[in-house]
Protein backbone atom coordinates (compact mmCIF):
# COMPACT_ATOMS: atom_id res chain seq x y z
CA MET A 1 -27.03 51.98 16.03
CA LYS A 2 -26.90 48.54 14.29
CA ILE A 3 -27.21 47.80 11.11
CA THR A 4 -27.79 44.03 9.78
CA VAL A 5 -27.39 43.27 6.18
CA ASP A 6 -28.54 39.55 4.84
CA ILE A 7 -27.10 38.32 1.40
CA ASP A 8 -28.79 35.54 0.21
CA CYS A 9 -26.41 33.99 -2.78
CA THR A 10 -24.78 30.61 -3.54
CA PRO A 11 -21.09 29.96 -2.58
CA ASP A 12 -20.20 30.17 -6.54
CA GLU A 13 -21.74 33.72 -6.36
CA ALA A 14 -19.83 34.80 -3.43
CA ARG A 15 -16.89 33.36 -4.96
CA SER A 16 -17.00 35.49 -8.00
CA PHE A 17 -18.06 38.87 -6.40
CA LEU A 18 -15.15 38.58 -4.00
CA GLY A 19 -12.95 37.56 -6.93
CA LEU A 20 -11.76 34.15 -5.89
CA PRO A 21 -10.77 31.22 -8.23
CA ASP A 22 -13.04 28.36 -8.78
CA VAL A 23 -11.30 25.48 -7.38
CA LYS A 24 -13.95 22.82 -8.20
CA PRO A 25 -11.92 21.56 -11.29
CA MET A 26 -8.78 21.28 -9.36
CA GLN A 27 -10.58 19.53 -6.31
CA GLU A 28 -12.12 16.99 -8.78
CA ALA A 29 -8.80 16.30 -10.46
CA MET A 30 -7.15 15.69 -6.94
CA MET A 31 -9.96 13.59 -5.66
CA ASN A 32 -9.74 11.41 -8.65
CA GLN A 33 -5.99 11.04 -8.17
CA ILE A 34 -6.61 10.05 -4.81
CA GLN A 35 -9.04 7.64 -5.57
CA GLU A 36 -6.95 5.90 -8.07
CA ARG A 37 -3.79 5.67 -5.67
CA MET A 38 -6.12 4.16 -3.03
CA THR A 39 -7.45 1.57 -5.24
CA ALA A 40 -4.27 0.53 -6.39
CA THR A 41 -3.03 0.24 -3.08
CA LEU A 42 -5.78 -1.60 -1.90
CA SER A 43 -5.56 -4.15 -4.81
CA ALA A 44 -1.79 -4.83 -3.66
CA MET A 45 -3.07 -5.28 -0.01
CA GLU A 46 -5.36 -8.35 -0.99
CA PRO A 47 -4.31 -11.72 0.71
CA GLU A 48 -3.89 -13.67 -2.70
CA ALA A 49 -1.72 -10.94 -4.16
CA MET A 50 0.44 -10.71 -0.76
CA LEU A 51 0.71 -14.71 -0.86
CA LYS A 52 1.93 -14.57 -4.41
CA THR A 53 4.42 -11.93 -3.29
CA TRP A 54 5.88 -13.58 0.01
CA LEU A 55 5.26 -17.38 -0.50
CA PRO A 56 7.72 -18.45 -3.15
CA ALA A 57 10.47 -16.68 -1.77
CA GLY A 58 9.61 -18.24 1.58
CA VAL A 59 9.33 -21.95 0.32
CA GLN A 60 12.73 -21.52 -1.54
CA GLY A 61 14.28 -20.12 1.59
CA MET A 62 12.77 -22.90 3.52
CA GLU A 63 13.98 -25.97 1.03
CA GLN A 64 17.41 -24.30 1.13
CA LEU A 65 17.62 -24.40 5.07
CA GLN A 66 16.40 -27.99 4.82
CA LYS A 67 18.98 -29.08 2.38
CA MET A 68 21.70 -27.29 4.47
CA PHE A 69 20.39 -29.44 7.67
CA TRP A 70 20.38 -32.50 5.59
CA ASN A 71 23.98 -31.78 4.16
CA GLN A 72 25.20 -31.06 7.74
CA PHE A 73 23.66 -34.49 9.09
CA ALA A 74 25.18 -36.55 6.34
CA ALA A 75 28.64 -34.98 6.60
CA ALA A 76 28.46 -35.57 10.44
CA THR A 77 27.69 -39.45 9.96
CA THR A 78 30.17 -39.92 7.05
CA ARG A 79 32.77 -38.41 9.63
CA ARG A 80 32.73 -40.71 12.35
CA ASP A 81 35.32 -43.25 13.19
CA PRO A 82 34.01 -46.98 12.50
CA LYS A 83 35.71 -47.88 15.53
CA GLU A 84 33.50 -46.03 17.62
């Protein structure tokens, strides 16, 4: 013997019939938080923002390196014995 029962109801109706909680508000809140985090992360990944973050330190470092080399060259030329 085989018995088949077809129940036509919406997911909300089935959830309430089985006594399960409605998680839709929690899902919406979580999706909003995820969307805000992704938007903030994407704005930080813009090329202009990345260059502003990296370029000043890189330029200052290059200038310091260049000054160090020039100072070494200047010191090397002043230490030479004039008889050579």
